[in-house]
């Protein structure tokens, strides 16, 4: 049958098989699934967890092509009055999490609530 990206992601999240490990002094550092189309006109799509324990992570898609434009959702926000640059430093805090990270955290909370 056909193996989909979703099938591979579920395999990489499987703790019972021993593929996804989070104990005994060893931890799965992150996982990746790549979709490599047969049509050379289509881009390859790579899904990364970029976080430990794939069973609790969201696979995020990345496409690497020439002339790619930066996506604002993965850039940490900048602040006109950045507490790291003010003297004295760090007298207040700001949320430096980029949009993709915030959404990852929200998805993780949903996944944990559904278990």
N, C-alpha and C. Protein backbone atom coordinates (compact mmCIF):
# COMPACT_ATOMS: atom_id res chain seq x y z
N UNK A 1 0.82 -1.19 0.00
CA UNK A 1 0.00 0.00 0.00
C UNK A 1 0.86 1.25 0.00
N UNK A 2 0.18 2.35 0.00
CA UNK A 2 0.86 3.65 0.01
C UNK A 2 1.25 4.03 1.44
N UNK A 3 2.45 4.49 1.58
CA UNK A 3 2.90 5.01 2.86
C UNK A 3 2.87 6.53 2.75
N UNK A 4 2.17 7.16 3.66
CA UNK A 4 2.04 8.61 3.64
C UNK A 4 2.98 9.24 4.66
N UNK A 5 3.14 10.54 4.57
CA UNK A 5 3.93 11.26 5.56
C UNK A 5 3.32 11.06 6.95
N UNK A 6 1.99 11.06 7.02
CA UNK A 6 1.31 10.86 8.30
C UNK A 6 1.61 9.49 8.89
N UNK A 7 1.70 8.45 8.03
CA UNK A 7 2.04 7.11 8.49
C UNK A 7 3.43 7.10 9.13
N UNK A 8 4.38 7.72 8.44
CA UNK A 8 5.75 7.77 8.97
C UNK A 8 5.82 8.57 10.27
N UNK A 9 5.06 9.66 10.36
CA UNK A 9 5.05 10.45 11.59
C UNK A 9 4.51 9.63 12.75
N UNK A 10 3.47 8.84 12.50
CA UNK A 10 2.92 8.01 13.59
C UNK A 10 3.92 6.93 14.00
N UNK A 11 4.68 6.38 13.05
CA UNK A 11 5.71 5.40 13.39
C UNK A 11 6.78 6.04 14.27
N UNK A 12 7.22 7.25 13.91
CA UNK A 12 8.26 7.92 14.69
C UNK A 12 7.78 8.34 16.08
N UNK A 13 6.48 8.41 16.27
CA UNK A 13 5.91 8.75 17.59
C UNK A 13 5.65 7.52 18.45
N UNK A 14 5.85 6.33 17.91
CA UNK A 14 5.49 5.08 18.58
C UNK A 14 6.50 4.71 19.66
N UNK A 15 6.08 4.82 20.91
CA UNK A 15 6.96 4.48 22.03
C UNK A 15 7.01 2.98 22.28
N UNK A 16 5.88 2.28 22.06
CA UNK A 16 5.84 0.84 22.32
C UNK A 16 6.84 0.06 21.46
N UNK A 17 7.09 0.53 20.25
CA UNK A 17 8.03 -0.17 19.36
C UNK A 17 9.48 0.11 19.72
N UNK A 18 9.72 1.16 20.52
CA UNK A 18 11.08 1.54 20.87
C UNK A 18 11.69 2.55 19.90
N UNK A 19 10.93 2.96 18.89
CA UNK A 19 11.45 3.96 17.96
C UNK A 19 11.53 5.32 18.62
N UNK A 20 10.50 5.68 19.36
CA UNK A 20 10.47 6.95 20.08
C UNK A 20 10.88 6.67 21.52
N UNK A 21 12.01 7.21 21.93
CA UNK A 21 12.56 6.90 23.25
C UNK A 21 12.66 8.17 24.08
N UNK A 22 12.22 8.08 25.35
CA UNK A 22 12.36 9.23 26.23
C UNK A 22 12.81 8.84 27.63
N UNK A 23 13.49 7.69 27.73
CA UNK A 23 13.95 7.25 29.05
C UNK A 23 15.24 6.47 28.92
N UNK A 24 15.68 5.87 30.02
CA UNK A 24 16.87 5.02 30.08
C UNK A 24 18.13 5.74 29.63
N UNK A 25 18.21 7.04 29.91
CA UNK A 25 19.42 7.79 29.59
C UNK A 25 19.57 8.18 28.14
N UNK A 26 18.61 7.83 27.31
CA UNK A 26 18.66 8.17 25.89
C UNK A 26 17.31 8.77 25.51
N UNK A 27 17.34 9.79 24.69
CA UNK A 27 16.09 10.42 24.25
C UNK A 27 16.18 10.71 22.77
N UNK A 28 15.08 10.44 22.07
CA UNK A 28 15.00 10.83 20.66
C UNK A 28 15.14 12.34 20.60
N UNK A 29 16.11 12.83 19.84
CA UNK A 29 16.39 14.27 19.82
C UNK A 29 15.44 15.05 18.92
N UNK A 30 14.90 14.44 17.95
CA UNK A 30 14.00 15.08 17.01
C UNK A 30 13.78 14.13 15.86
N UNK A 31 12.78 14.40 15.07
CA UNK A 31 12.47 13.51 13.95
C UNK A 31 12.22 14.31 12.69
N UNK A 32 12.38 13.61 11.55
CA UNK A 32 12.20 14.26 10.26
C UNK A 32 11.55 13.27 9.30
N UNK A 33 10.59 13.77 8.54
CA UNK A 33 9.96 13.00 7.47
C UNK A 33 10.06 13.86 6.22
N UNK A 34 10.53 13.29 5.13
CA UNK A 34 10.65 14.03 3.87
C UNK A 34 9.73 13.45 2.82
N UNK A 35 9.08 14.33 2.09
CA UNK A 35 8.26 13.94 0.95
C UNK A 35 9.02 14.35 -0.30
N UNK A 36 9.46 13.36 -1.07
CA UNK A 36 10.26 13.59 -2.26
C UNK A 36 9.44 13.21 -3.49
N UNK A 37 8.81 14.18 -4.12
CA UNK A 37 7.93 13.86 -5.25
C UNK A 37 8.70 13.34 -6.45
N UNK A 38 8.05 12.51 -7.23
CA UNK A 38 8.68 11.99 -8.45
C UNK A 38 8.76 13.04 -9.54
N UNK A 39 7.85 14.00 -9.50
CA UNK A 39 7.83 15.08 -10.47
C UNK A 39 8.90 16.11 -10.08
N UNK A 40 9.95 16.29 -10.88
CA UNK A 40 11.03 17.22 -10.51
C UNK A 40 10.58 18.68 -10.48
N UNK A 41 9.41 18.97 -10.99
CA UNK A 41 8.90 20.35 -10.95
C UNK A 41 8.32 20.69 -9.58
N UNK A 42 8.04 19.68 -8.78
CA UNK A 42 7.48 19.90 -7.44
C UNK A 42 8.59 19.94 -6.41
N UNK A 43 8.48 20.82 -5.42
CA UNK A 43 9.52 20.88 -4.39
C UNK A 43 9.40 19.74 -3.38
N UNK A 44 10.51 19.38 -2.79
CA UNK A 44 10.51 18.42 -1.69
C UNK A 44 10.02 19.15 -0.45
N UNK A 45 9.28 18.46 0.39
CA UNK A 45 8.81 19.03 1.64
C UNK A 45 9.39 18.19 2.77
N UNK A 46 10.01 18.85 3.73
CA UNK A 46 10.63 18.18 4.87
C UNK A 46 9.89 18.61 6.13
N UNK A 47 9.46 17.63 6.91
CA UNK A 47 8.75 17.91 8.16
C UNK A 47 9.70 17.61 9.32
N UNK A 48 9.91 18.58 10.19
CA UNK A 48 10.81 18.44 11.34
C UNK A 48 10.03 18.65 12.63
N UNK A 49 10.39 17.88 13.66
CA UNK A 49 9.83 18.20 14.98
C UNK A 49 10.65 19.30 15.62
N UNK A 50 11.96 19.24 15.46
CA UNK A 50 12.89 20.22 16.03
C UNK A 50 12.77 20.34 17.53
N UNK A 51 12.17 19.36 18.15
CA UNK A 51 12.06 19.29 19.61
C UNK A 51 12.20 17.83 20.02
N UNK A 52 12.63 17.59 21.25
CA UNK A 52 12.74 16.21 21.70
C UNK A 52 11.36 15.56 21.85
N UNK A 53 11.35 14.25 21.84
CA UNK A 53 10.15 13.43 22.03
C UNK A 53 9.10 13.68 20.96
N UNK A 54 9.24 13.05 19.79
CA UNK A 54 8.29 13.23 18.69
C UNK A 54 6.84 12.90 19.07
N UNK A 55 6.64 12.09 20.12
CA UNK A 55 5.27 11.77 20.51
C UNK A 55 4.55 12.99 21.07
N UNK A 56 5.32 13.99 21.48
CA UNK A 56 4.73 15.22 22.03
C UNK A 56 5.04 16.43 21.15
N UNK A 57 5.44 16.20 19.92
CA UNK A 57 5.85 17.30 19.06
C UNK A 57 4.97 17.39 17.82
N UNK A 58 5.01 18.55 17.22
CA UNK A 58 4.30 18.79 15.98
C UNK A 58 5.32 18.76 14.85
N UNK A 59 5.04 18.04 13.79
CA UNK A 59 5.91 18.04 12.62
C UNK A 59 5.61 19.29 11.80
N UNK A 60 6.61 20.13 11.62
CA UNK A 60 6.43 21.40 10.91
C UNK A 60 7.06 21.31 9.52
N UNK A 61 6.32 21.76 8.49
CA UNK A 61 6.83 21.63 7.12
C UNK A 61 7.83 22.72 6.75
N UNK A 62 8.87 22.32 6.02
CA UNK A 62 9.85 23.26 5.49
C UNK A 62 10.12 22.90 4.03
N UNK A 63 10.22 23.91 3.19
CA UNK A 63 10.54 23.72 1.77
C UNK A 63 11.79 24.55 1.50
N UNK A 64 12.81 23.93 0.93
CA UNK A 64 14.06 24.61 0.63
C UNK A 64 14.16 24.77 -0.89
N UNK A 65 14.01 25.99 -1.37
CA UNK A 65 14.11 26.27 -2.80
C UNK A 65 14.89 27.56 -2.99
N UNK A 66 15.42 27.74 -4.19
CA UNK A 66 16.17 28.97 -4.50
C UNK A 66 15.21 30.16 -4.44
N UNK A 67 15.70 31.27 -3.94
CA UNK A 67 14.92 32.50 -3.90
C UNK A 67 13.82 32.50 -2.86
N UNK A 68 13.95 31.66 -1.85
CA UNK A 68 12.91 31.59 -0.81
C UNK A 68 12.83 32.92 -0.07
N UNK A 69 11.63 33.30 0.28
CA UNK A 69 11.42 34.53 1.04
C UNK A 69 11.28 34.18 2.51
N UNK A 70 11.83 35.01 3.34
CA UNK A 70 11.73 34.79 4.78
C UNK A 70 10.28 34.89 5.22
N UNK A 71 9.89 33.98 6.09
CA UNK A 71 8.53 33.94 6.59
C UNK A 71 8.48 34.62 7.95
N UNK A 72 7.65 35.65 8.10
CA UNK A 72 7.64 36.38 9.37
C UNK A 72 7.20 35.53 10.56
N UNK A 73 6.46 34.44 10.32
CA UNK A 73 5.97 33.62 11.43
C UNK A 73 7.08 32.85 12.14
N UNK A 74 8.29 32.80 11.56
CA UNK A 74 9.38 32.08 12.21
C UNK A 74 10.49 33.02 12.66
N UNK A 75 10.23 34.30 12.61
CA UNK A 75 11.22 35.28 13.06
C UNK A 75 10.79 35.79 14.44
N UNK A 76 11.72 35.77 15.38
CA UNK A 76 11.41 36.31 16.70
C UNK A 76 11.07 37.78 16.57
N UNK A 77 10.08 38.24 17.33
CA UNK A 77 9.68 39.64 17.20
C UNK A 77 10.78 40.59 17.66
N UNK A 78 10.77 41.78 17.09
CA UNK A 78 11.71 42.81 17.54
C UNK A 78 10.90 43.87 18.29
N UNK A 79 11.58 44.59 19.13
CA UNK A 79 10.93 45.56 20.00
C UNK A 79 11.64 46.90 19.89
N UNK A 80 10.89 47.98 19.68
CA UNK A 80 11.52 49.30 19.59
C UNK A 80 12.32 49.63 20.85
N UNK A 81 11.78 49.27 21.99
CA UNK A 81 12.49 49.44 23.26
C UNK A 81 12.83 48.05 23.80
N UNK A 82 13.88 47.48 23.27
CA UNK A 82 14.27 46.12 23.64
C UNK A 82 14.97 46.14 25.00
N UNK A 83 14.43 45.41 25.99
CA UNK A 83 15.04 45.42 27.33
C UNK A 83 16.46 44.86 27.35
N UNK A 84 16.86 44.13 26.32
CA UNK A 84 18.24 43.63 26.25
C UNK A 84 19.21 44.75 25.88
N UNK A 85 18.69 45.81 25.27
CA UNK A 85 19.55 46.90 24.82
C UNK A 85 19.46 48.14 25.69
N UNK A 86 18.53 48.13 26.62
CA UNK A 86 18.39 49.29 27.51
C UNK A 86 19.33 49.14 28.70
N UNK A 87 19.73 50.24 29.24
CA UNK A 87 20.60 50.24 30.43
C UNK A 87 19.78 50.84 31.58
N UNK A 88 19.66 50.21 32.70
CA UNK A 88 20.11 48.85 33.01
C UNK A 88 19.32 47.82 32.21
N UNK A 89 19.98 46.71 31.93
CA UNK A 89 19.39 45.69 31.06
C UNK A 89 18.36 44.83 31.80
N UNK A 90 17.42 44.35 31.03
CA UNK A 90 16.43 43.36 31.46
C UNK A 90 15.64 43.79 32.71
N UNK A 91 15.23 45.04 32.72
CA UNK A 91 14.40 45.51 33.82
C UNK A 91 12.93 45.12 33.61
N UNK A 92 12.62 44.68 32.43
CA UNK A 92 11.28 44.16 32.12
C UNK A 92 11.46 43.02 31.13
N UNK A 93 10.43 42.24 30.98
CA UNK A 93 10.54 41.10 30.06
C UNK A 93 9.55 41.28 28.90
N UNK A 94 9.88 40.65 27.80
CA UNK A 94 9.03 40.66 26.61
C UNK A 94 8.91 39.21 26.11
N UNK A 95 7.87 38.94 25.37
CA UNK A 95 7.67 37.60 24.81
C UNK A 95 8.38 37.52 23.47
N UNK A 96 9.49 36.81 23.41
CA UNK A 96 10.30 36.71 22.20
C UNK A 96 9.93 35.49 21.34
N UNK A 97 8.92 34.75 21.74
CA UNK A 97 8.55 33.55 20.98
C UNK A 97 7.94 33.95 19.64
N UNK A 98 8.39 33.30 18.57
CA UNK A 98 7.81 33.60 17.27
C UNK A 98 6.49 32.85 17.12
N UNK A 99 5.72 33.23 16.12
CA UNK A 99 4.37 32.70 15.92
C UNK A 99 4.35 31.18 15.77
N UNK A 100 5.28 30.61 15.02
CA UNK A 100 5.30 29.16 14.84
C UNK A 100 5.51 28.46 16.17
N UNK A 101 6.39 28.97 17.01
CA UNK A 101 6.63 28.36 18.32
C UNK A 101 5.38 28.45 19.19
N UNK A 102 4.73 29.61 19.20
CA UNK A 102 3.51 29.76 20.01
C UNK A 102 2.44 28.78 19.55
N UNK A 103 2.31 28.61 18.25
CA UNK A 103 1.30 27.66 17.74
C UNK A 103 1.69 26.21 18.05
N UNK A 104 2.98 25.93 18.02
CA UNK A 104 3.46 24.59 18.40
C UNK A 104 3.08 24.30 19.85
N UNK A 105 3.29 25.27 20.72
CA UNK A 105 2.96 25.08 22.13
C UNK A 105 1.46 24.87 22.31
N UNK A 106 0.63 25.61 21.57
CA UNK A 106 -0.82 25.45 21.65
C UNK A 106 -1.23 24.06 21.17
N UNK A 107 -0.62 23.57 20.09
CA UNK A 107 -0.93 22.24 19.58
C UNK A 107 -0.49 21.17 20.58
N UNK A 108 0.64 21.37 21.21
CA UNK A 108 1.12 20.42 22.22
C UNK A 108 0.14 20.35 23.38
N UNK A 109 -0.37 21.48 23.82
CA UNK A 109 -1.35 21.48 24.91
C UNK A 109 -2.59 20.71 24.51
N UNK A 110 -3.05 20.86 23.27
CA UNK A 110 -4.22 20.11 22.78
C UNK A 110 -3.93 18.62 22.74
N UNK A 111 -2.73 18.25 22.27
CA UNK A 111 -2.36 16.83 22.21
C UNK A 111 -2.35 16.22 23.60
N UNK A 112 -1.80 16.93 24.57
CA UNK A 112 -1.72 16.41 25.93
C UNK A 112 -3.10 16.31 26.57
N UNK A 113 -3.98 17.25 26.25
CA UNK A 113 -5.33 17.24 26.79
C UNK A 113 -6.12 16.06 26.23
N UNK A 114 -5.86 15.68 24.97
CA UNK A 114 -6.61 14.58 24.34
C UNK A 114 -6.14 13.20 24.77
N UNK A 115 -5.00 13.11 25.44
CA UNK A 115 -4.48 11.78 25.84
C UNK A 115 -5.21 11.23 27.04
